[in-house]
Each structure stands twice: as structure tokens, then as C-alpha cells.
ModelCIF file with pLDDT and N, C-alpha, C, O atoms, coordinates in Angstrom:
data_MODEL
#
_entry.id   MODEL 
#
_entity.id                         1 
_entity.type                       polymer 
_entity.pdbx_number_of_molecules   1 
#
_entity_poly.entity_id                      1 
_entity_poly.type                           'polypeptide(L)' 
_entity_poly.nstd_linkage                   no 
_entity_poly.nstd_monomer                   no 
_entity_poly.pdbx_seq_one_letter_code       DGEPRIPASQWLDMPATMPGTHLQDDQIARLCR 
_entity_poly.pdbx_seq_one_letter_code_can   DGEPRIPASQWLDMPATMPGTHLQDDQIARLCR 
_entity_poly.pdbx_strand_id                 A 
#
loop_
_entity_poly_seq.entity_id 
_entity_poly_seq.num 
_entity_poly_seq.mon_id 
_entity_poly_seq.hetero 
1 1  ASP n 
1 2  GLY n 
1 3  GLU n 
1 4  PRO n 
1 5  ARG n 
1 6  ILE n 
1 7  PRO n 
1 8  ALA n 
1 9  SER n 
1 10 GLN n 
1 11 TRP n 
1 12 LEU n 
1 13 ASP n 
1 14 MET n 
1 15 PRO n 
1 16 ALA n 
1 17 THR n 
1 18 MET n 
1 19 PRO n 
1 20 GLY n 
1 21 THR n 
1 22 HIS n 
1 23 LEU n 
1 24 GLN n 
1 25 ASP n 
1 26 ASP n 
1 27 GLN n 
1 28 ILE n 
1 29 ALA n 
1 30 ARG n 
1 31 LEU n 
1 32 CYS n 
1 33 ARG n 
#
_struct_asym.id          A 
_struct_asym.entity_id   1 
#
loop_
_ma_qa_metric.id 
_ma_qa_metric.mode 
_ma_qa_metric.name 
_ma_qa_metric.software_group_id 
_ma_qa_metric.type 
1 global pLDDT . pLDDT 
2 local  pLDDT . pLDDT 
#
_ma_qa_metric_global.metric_id      1 
_ma_qa_metric_global.metric_value   94.97 
_ma_qa_metric_global.model_id       1 
_ma_qa_metric_global.ordinal_id     1 
#
loop_
_ma_qa_metric_local.label_asym_id 
_ma_qa_metric_local.label_comp_id 
_ma_qa_metric_local.label_seq_id 
_ma_qa_metric_local.metric_id 
_ma_qa_metric_local.metric_value 
_ma_qa_metric_local.model_id 
_ma_qa_metric_local.ordinal_id 
A ASP 1  2 88.00 1 1  
A GLY 2  2 85.00 1 2  
A GLU 3  2 91.00 1 3  
A PRO 4  2 94.00 1 4  
A ARG 5  2 94.00 1 5  
A ILE 6  2 94.00 1 6  
A PRO 7  2 94.00 1 7  
A ALA 8  2 95.00 1 8  
A SER 9  2 96.00 1 9  
A GLN 10 2 96.00 1 10 
A TRP 11 2 97.00 1 11 
A LEU 12 2 96.00 1 12 
A ASP 13 2 96.00 1 13 
A MET 14 2 95.00 1 14 
A PRO 15 2 95.00 1 15 
A ALA 16 2 95.00 1 16 
A THR 17 2 93.00 1 17 
A MET 18 2 95.00 1 18 
A PRO 19 2 95.00 1 19 
A GLY 20 2 95.00 1 20 
A THR 21 2 96.00 1 21 
A HIS 22 2 97.00 1 22 
A LEU 23 2 97.00 1 23 
A GLN 24 2 97.00 1 24 
A ASP 25 2 96.00 1 25 
A ASP 26 2 96.00 1 26 
A GLN 27 2 97.00 1 27 
A ILE 28 2 97.00 1 28 
A ALA 29 2 96.00 1 29 
A ARG 30 2 96.00 1 30 
A LEU 31 2 97.00 1 31 
A CYS 32 2 97.00 1 32 
A ARG 33 2 96.00 1 33 
#
loop_
_atom_site.group_PDB 
_atom_site.id 
_atom_site.type_symbol 
_atom_site.label_atom_id 
_atom_site.label_alt_id 
_atom_site.label_comp_id 
_atom_site.label_asym_id 
_atom_site.label_entity_id 
_atom_site.label_seq_id 
_atom_site.pdbx_PDB_ins_code 
_atom_site.Cartn_x 
_atom_site.Cartn_y 
_atom_site.Cartn_z 
_atom_site.occupancy 
_atom_site.B_iso_or_equiv 
_atom_site.pdbx_formal_charge 
_atom_site.auth_seq_id 
_atom_site.auth_comp_id 
_atom_site.auth_asym_id 
_atom_site.auth_atom_id 
_atom_site.pdbx_PDB_model_num 
ATOM 1   N N  . ASP A 1 1  ? -188.215 196.758 -182.350 1.00 88.00 ? 1  ASP A N  1 
ATOM 2   C CA . ASP A 1 1  ? -188.060 197.908 -183.239 1.00 88.00 ? 1  ASP A CA 1 
ATOM 3   C C  . ASP A 1 1  ? -186.615 198.140 -183.656 1.00 88.00 ? 1  ASP A C  1 
ATOM 4   O O  . ASP A 1 1  ? -186.304 199.101 -184.360 1.00 88.00 ? 1  ASP A O  1 
ATOM 5   N N  . GLY A 1 2  ? -185.729 197.235 -183.207 1.00 85.00 ? 2  GLY A N  1 
ATOM 6   C CA . GLY A 1 2  ? -184.325 197.382 -183.550 1.00 85.00 ? 2  GLY A CA 1 
ATOM 7   C C  . GLY A 1 2  ? -183.524 198.230 -182.590 1.00 85.00 ? 2  GLY A C  1 
ATOM 8   O O  . GLY A 1 2  ? -182.303 198.321 -182.710 1.00 85.00 ? 2  GLY A O  1 
ATOM 9   N N  . GLU A 1 3  ? -184.198 198.853 -181.637 1.00 91.00 ? 3  GLU A N  1 
ATOM 10  C CA . GLU A 1 3  ? -183.489 199.661 -180.651 1.00 91.00 ? 3  GLU A CA 1 
ATOM 11  C C  . GLU A 1 3  ? -182.680 198.758 -179.721 1.00 91.00 ? 3  GLU A C  1 
ATOM 12  O O  . GLU A 1 3  ? -183.187 197.726 -179.280 1.00 91.00 ? 3  GLU A O  1 
ATOM 13  N N  . PRO A 1 4  ? -181.444 199.120 -179.418 1.00 94.00 ? 4  PRO A N  1 
ATOM 14  C CA . PRO A 1 4  ? -180.596 198.250 -178.594 1.00 94.00 ? 4  PRO A CA 1 
ATOM 15  C C  . PRO A 1 4  ? -181.059 198.176 -177.147 1.00 94.00 ? 4  PRO A C  1 
ATOM 16  O O  . PRO A 1 4  ? -181.348 199.196 -176.522 1.00 94.00 ? 4  PRO A O  1 
ATOM 17  N N  . ARG A 1 5  ? -181.126 196.965 -176.625 1.00 94.00 ? 5  ARG A N  1 
ATOM 18  C CA . ARG A 1 5  ? -181.357 196.750 -175.202 1.00 94.00 ? 5  ARG A CA 1 
ATOM 19  C C  . ARG A 1 5  ? -180.028 196.670 -174.447 1.00 94.00 ? 5  ARG A C  1 
ATOM 20  O O  . ARG A 1 5  ? -179.943 196.996 -173.263 1.00 94.00 ? 5  ARG A O  1 
ATOM 21  N N  . ILE A 1 6  ? -179.008 196.230 -175.160 1.00 94.00 ? 6  ILE A N  1 
ATOM 22  C CA . ILE A 1 6  ? -177.642 196.198 -174.652 1.00 94.00 ? 6  ILE A CA 1 
ATOM 23  C C  . ILE A 1 6  ? -176.882 197.294 -175.393 1.00 94.00 ? 6  ILE A C  1 
ATOM 24  O O  . ILE A 1 6  ? -177.098 197.473 -176.592 1.00 94.00 ? 6  ILE A O  1 
ATOM 25  N N  . PRO A 1 7  ? -176.001 198.032 -174.721 1.00 94.00 ? 7  PRO A N  1 
ATOM 26  C CA . PRO A 1 7  ? -175.288 199.124 -175.405 1.00 94.00 ? 7  PRO A CA 1 
ATOM 27  C C  . PRO A 1 7  ? -174.748 198.720 -176.767 1.00 94.00 ? 7  PRO A C  1 
ATOM 28  O O  . PRO A 1 7  ? -174.177 197.643 -176.932 1.00 94.00 ? 7  PRO A O  1 
ATOM 29  N N  . ALA A 1 8  ? -174.941 199.608 -177.742 1.00 95.00 ? 8  ALA A N  1 
ATOM 30  C CA . ALA A 1 8  ? -174.508 199.338 -179.106 1.00 95.00 ? 8  ALA A CA 1 
ATOM 31  C C  . ALA A 1 8  ? -172.987 199.211 -179.172 1.00 95.00 ? 8  ALA A C  1 
ATOM 32  O O  . ALA A 1 8  ? -172.273 199.709 -178.301 1.00 95.00 ? 8  ALA A O  1 
ATOM 33  N N  . SER A 1 9  ? -172.501 198.539 -180.215 1.00 96.00 ? 9  SER A N  1 
ATOM 34  C CA . SER A 1 9  ? -171.061 198.432 -180.434 1.00 96.00 ? 9  SER A CA 1 
ATOM 35  C C  . SER A 1 9  ? -170.463 199.832 -180.520 1.00 96.00 ? 9  SER A C  1 
ATOM 36  O O  . SER A 1 9  ? -171.034 200.717 -181.158 1.00 96.00 ? 9  SER A O  1 
ATOM 37  N N  . GLN A 1 10 ? -169.320 200.032 -179.882 1.00 96.00 ? 10 GLN A N  1 
ATOM 38  C CA . GLN A 1 10 ? -168.743 201.367 -179.824 1.00 96.00 ? 10 GLN A CA 1 
ATOM 39  C C  . GLN A 1 10 ? -167.284 201.312 -179.403 1.00 96.00 ? 10 GLN A C  1 
ATOM 40  O O  . GLN A 1 10 ? -166.783 200.294 -178.924 1.00 96.00 ? 10 GLN A O  1 
ATOM 41  N N  . TRP A 1 11 ? -166.616 202.457 -179.602 1.00 97.00 ? 11 TRP A N  1 
ATOM 42  C CA . TRP A 1 11 ? -165.222 202.621 -179.168 1.00 97.00 ? 11 TRP A CA 1 
ATOM 43  C C  . TRP A 1 11 ? -165.242 203.454 -177.899 1.00 97.00 ? 11 TRP A C  1 
ATOM 44  O O  . TRP A 1 11 ? -165.630 204.622 -177.925 1.00 97.00 ? 11 TRP A O  1 
ATOM 45  N N  . LEU A 1 12 ? -164.825 202.860 -176.788 1.00 96.00 ? 12 LEU A N  1 
ATOM 46  C CA . LEU A 1 12 ? -164.737 203.562 -175.514 1.00 96.00 ? 12 LEU A CA 1 
ATOM 47  C C  . LEU A 1 12 ? -163.353 204.190 -175.417 1.00 96.00 ? 12 LEU A C  1 
ATOM 48  O O  . LEU A 1 12 ? -162.350 203.499 -175.243 1.00 96.00 ? 12 LEU A O  1 
ATOM 49  N N  . ASP A 1 13 ? -163.321 205.501 -175.533 1.00 96.00 ? 13 ASP A N  1 
ATOM 50  C CA . ASP A 1 13 ? -162.062 206.232 -175.634 1.00 96.00 ? 13 ASP A CA 1 
ATOM 51  C C  . ASP A 1 13 ? -161.415 206.378 -174.261 1.00 96.00 ? 13 ASP A C  1 
ATOM 52  O O  . ASP A 1 13 ? -161.887 207.137 -173.414 1.00 96.00 ? 13 ASP A O  1 
ATOM 53  N N  . MET A 1 14 ? -160.315 205.631 -174.053 1.00 95.00 ? 14 MET A N  1 
ATOM 54  C CA . MET A 1 14 ? -159.572 205.674 -172.798 1.00 95.00 ? 14 MET A CA 1 
ATOM 55  C C  . MET A 1 14 ? -158.108 205.957 -173.128 1.00 95.00 ? 14 MET A C  1 
ATOM 56  O O  . MET A 1 14 ? -157.388 205.046 -173.537 1.00 95.00 ? 14 MET A O  1 
ATOM 57  N N  . PRO A 1 15 ? -157.651 207.204 -172.959 1.00 95.00 ? 15 PRO A N  1 
ATOM 58  C CA . PRO A 1 15 ? -156.260 207.539 -173.316 1.00 95.00 ? 15 PRO A CA 1 
ATOM 59  C C  . PRO A 1 15 ? -155.248 206.674 -172.578 1.00 95.00 ? 15 PRO A C  1 
ATOM 60  O O  . PRO A 1 15 ? -155.442 206.314 -171.417 1.00 95.00 ? 15 PRO A O  1 
ATOM 61  N N  . ALA A 1 16 ? -154.166 206.349 -173.275 1.00 95.00 ? 16 ALA A N  1 
ATOM 62  C CA . ALA A 1 16 ? -153.056 205.607 -172.679 1.00 95.00 ? 16 ALA A CA 1 
ATOM 63  C C  . ALA A 1 16 ? -152.116 206.609 -172.018 1.00 95.00 ? 16 ALA A C  1 
ATOM 64  O O  . ALA A 1 16 ? -151.515 207.437 -172.704 1.00 95.00 ? 16 ALA A O  1 
ATOM 65  N N  . THR A 1 17 ? -151.985 206.545 -170.711 1.00 93.00 ? 17 THR A N  1 
ATOM 66  C CA . THR A 1 17 ? -151.220 207.544 -169.958 1.00 93.00 ? 17 THR A CA 1 
ATOM 67  C C  . THR A 1 17 ? -150.010 206.962 -169.241 1.00 93.00 ? 17 THR A C  1 
ATOM 68  O O  . THR A 1 17 ? -149.269 207.705 -168.597 1.00 93.00 ? 17 THR A O  1 
ATOM 69  N N  . MET A 1 18 ? -149.788 205.641 -169.334 1.00 95.00 ? 18 MET A N  1 
ATOM 70  C CA . MET A 1 18 ? -148.694 204.994 -168.602 1.00 95.00 ? 18 MET A CA 1 
ATOM 71  C C  . MET A 1 18 ? -147.601 204.558 -169.575 1.00 95.00 ? 18 MET A C  1 
ATOM 72  O O  . MET A 1 18 ? -147.727 203.503 -170.196 1.00 95.00 ? 18 MET A O  1 
ATOM 73  N N  . PRO A 1 19 ? -146.535 205.340 -169.723 1.00 95.00 ? 19 PRO A N  1 
ATOM 74  C CA . PRO A 1 19 ? -145.438 204.940 -170.621 1.00 95.00 ? 19 PRO A CA 1 
ATOM 75  C C  . PRO A 1 19 ? -144.649 203.782 -170.032 1.00 95.00 ? 19 PRO A C  1 
ATOM 76  O O  . PRO A 1 19 ? -144.630 203.577 -168.819 1.00 95.00 ? 19 PRO A O  1 
ATOM 77  N N  . GLY A 1 20 ? -144.002 203.033 -170.904 1.00 95.00 ? 20 GLY A N  1 
ATOM 78  C CA . GLY A 1 20 ? -143.157 201.937 -170.466 1.00 95.00 ? 20 GLY A CA 1 
ATOM 79  C C  . GLY A 1 20 ? -143.837 200.597 -170.436 1.00 95.00 ? 20 GLY A C  1 
ATOM 80  O O  . GLY A 1 20 ? -143.191 199.591 -170.144 1.00 95.00 ? 20 GLY A O  1 
ATOM 81  N N  . THR A 1 21 ? -145.125 200.548 -170.727 1.00 96.00 ? 21 THR A N  1 
ATOM 82  C CA . THR A 1 21 ? -145.858 199.279 -170.726 1.00 96.00 ? 21 THR A CA 1 
ATOM 83  C C  . THR A 1 21 ? -147.057 199.378 -171.654 1.00 96.00 ? 21 THR A C  1 
ATOM 84  O O  . THR A 1 21 ? -147.652 200.445 -171.806 1.00 96.00 ? 21 THR A O  1 
ATOM 85  N N  . HIS A 1 22 ? -147.408 198.243 -172.279 1.00 97.00 ? 22 HIS A N  1 
ATOM 86  C CA . HIS A 1 22 ? -148.620 198.202 -173.095 1.00 97.00 ? 22 HIS A CA 1 
ATOM 87  C C  . HIS A 1 22 ? -149.876 198.072 -172.234 1.00 97.00 ? 22 HIS A C  1 
ATOM 88  O O  . HIS A 1 22 ? -150.975 198.358 -172.709 1.00 97.00 ? 22 HIS A O  1 
ATOM 89  N N  . LEU A 1 23 ? -149.736 197.654 -171.001 1.00 97.00 ? 23 LEU A N  1 
ATOM 90  C CA . LEU A 1 23 ? -150.867 197.473 -170.099 1.00 97.00 ? 23 LEU A CA 1 
ATOM 91  C C  . LEU A 1 23 ? -151.251 198.812 -169.484 1.00 97.00 ? 23 LEU A C  1 
ATOM 92  O O  . LEU A 1 23 ? -150.451 199.440 -168.792 1.00 97.00 ? 23 LEU A O  1 
ATOM 93  N N  . GLN A 1 24 ? -152.479 199.242 -169.742 1.00 97.00 ? 24 GLN A N  1 
ATOM 94  C CA . GLN A 1 24 ? -152.996 200.501 -169.218 1.00 97.00 ? 24 GLN A CA 1 
ATOM 95  C C  . GLN A 1 24 ? -154.095 200.193 -168.200 1.00 97.00 ? 24 GLN A C  1 
ATOM 96  O O  . GLN A 1 24 ? -155.174 199.721 -168.559 1.00 97.00 ? 24 GLN A O  1 
ATOM 97  N N  . ASP A 1 25 ? -153.807 200.465 -166.936 1.00 96.00 ? 25 ASP A N  1 
ATOM 98  C CA . ASP A 1 25 ? -154.711 200.067 -165.856 1.00 96.00 ? 25 ASP A CA 1 
ATOM 99  C C  . ASP A 1 25 ? -156.100 200.681 -165.996 1.00 96.00 ? 25 ASP A C  1 
ATOM 100 O O  . ASP A 1 25 ? -157.097 200.036 -165.670 1.00 96.00 ? 25 ASP A O  1 
ATOM 101 N N  . ASP A 1 26 ? -156.176 201.927 -166.482 1.00 96.00 ? 26 ASP A N  1 
ATOM 102 C CA . ASP A 1 26 ? -157.482 202.572 -166.626 1.00 96.00 ? 26 ASP A CA 1 
ATOM 103 C C  . ASP A 1 26 ? -158.366 201.814 -167.614 1.00 96.00 ? 26 ASP A C  1 
ATOM 104 O O  . ASP A 1 26 ? -159.583 201.738 -167.440 1.00 96.00 ? 26 ASP A O  1 
ATOM 105 N N  . GLN A 1 27 ? -157.748 201.258 -168.646 1.00 97.00 ? 27 GLN A N  1 
ATOM 106 C CA . GLN A 1 27 ? -158.528 200.519 -169.636 1.00 97.00 ? 27 GLN A CA 1 
ATOM 107 C C  . GLN A 1 27 ? -159.049 199.209 -169.051 1.00 97.00 ? 27 GLN A C  1 
ATOM 108 O O  . GLN A 1 27 ? -160.168 198.798 -169.360 1.00 97.00 ? 27 GLN A O  1 
ATOM 109 N N  . ILE A 1 28 ? -158.248 198.549 -168.208 1.00 97.00 ? 28 ILE A N  1 
ATOM 110 C CA . ILE A 1 28 ? -158.710 197.327 -167.552 1.00 97.00 ? 28 ILE A CA 1 
ATOM 111 C C  . ILE A 1 28 ? -159.845 197.641 -166.587 1.00 97.00 ? 28 ILE A C  1 
ATOM 112 O O  . ILE A 1 28 ? -160.827 196.902 -166.515 1.00 97.00 ? 28 ILE A O  1 
ATOM 113 N N  . ALA A 1 29 ? -159.710 198.749 -165.840 1.00 96.00 ? 29 ALA A N  1 
ATOM 114 C CA . ALA A 1 29 ? -160.781 199.145 -164.911 1.00 96.00 ? 29 ALA A CA 1 
ATOM 115 C C  . ALA A 1 29 ? -162.064 199.444 -165.679 1.00 96.00 ? 29 ALA A C  1 
ATOM 116 O O  . ALA A 1 29 ? -163.158 199.120 -165.217 1.00 96.00 ? 29 ALA A O  1 
ATOM 117 N N  . ARG A 1 30 ? -161.927 200.072 -166.866 1.00 96.00 ? 30 ARG A N  1 
ATOM 118 C CA . ARG A 1 30 ? -163.118 200.365 -167.669 1.00 96.00 ? 30 ARG A CA 1 
ATOM 119 C C  . ARG A 1 30 ? -163.760 199.081 -168.165 1.00 96.00 ? 30 ARG A C  1 
ATOM 120 O O  . ARG A 1 30 ? -164.986 198.971 -168.204 1.00 96.00 ? 30 ARG A O  1 
ATOM 121 N N  . LEU A 1 31 ? -162.949 198.120 -168.539 1.00 97.00 ? 31 LEU A N  1 
ATOM 122 C CA . LEU A 1 31 ? -163.471 196.827 -168.963 1.00 97.00 ? 31 LEU A CA 1 
ATOM 123 C C  . LEU A 1 31 ? -164.256 196.173 -167.835 1.00 97.00 ? 31 LEU A C  1 
ATOM 124 O O  . LEU A 1 31 ? -165.338 195.635 -168.071 1.00 97.00 ? 31 LEU A O  1 
ATOM 125 N N  . CYS A 1 32 ? -163.739 196.209 -166.630 1.00 97.00 ? 32 CYS A N  1 
ATOM 126 C CA . CYS A 1 32 ? -164.419 195.576 -165.498 1.00 97.00 ? 32 CYS A CA 1 
ATOM 127 C C  . CYS A 1 32 ? -165.768 196.231 -165.232 1.00 97.00 ? 32 CYS A C  1 
ATOM 128 O O  . CYS A 1 32 ? -166.740 195.541 -164.924 1.00 97.00 ? 32 CYS A O  1 
ATOM 129 N N  . ARG A 1 33 ? -165.839 197.541 -165.347 1.00 96.00 ? 33 ARG A N  1 
ATOM 130 C CA . ARG A 1 33 ? -167.141 198.216 -165.156 1.00 96.00 ? 33 ARG A CA 1 
ATOM 131 C C  . ARG A 1 33 ? -168.134 197.786 -166.234 1.00 96.00 ? 33 ARG A C  1 
ATOM 132 O O  . ARG A 1 33 ? -169.276 198.245 -166.240 1.00 96.00 ? 33 ARG A O  1 
#
């Protein structure tokens, strides 16, 4: 019926809170989940 079995494409909003680096640990942790 076209309903997604896998989560639909989307933007997972994870604020960048660590100044001084482009690497944001919370975003990596969200990716792993």
C-alpha cells in the first residue's frame, strides 16, 4: 500500500553543542542507534 516498513527519509534534528570541532558526539551516537 506504499506505507513504509523502514522509517521514511527524514531529518533527525540533533543540535550541535560542542564548539571547537565539526565532530558532534551526540550525532554519531544517534547514527549508531
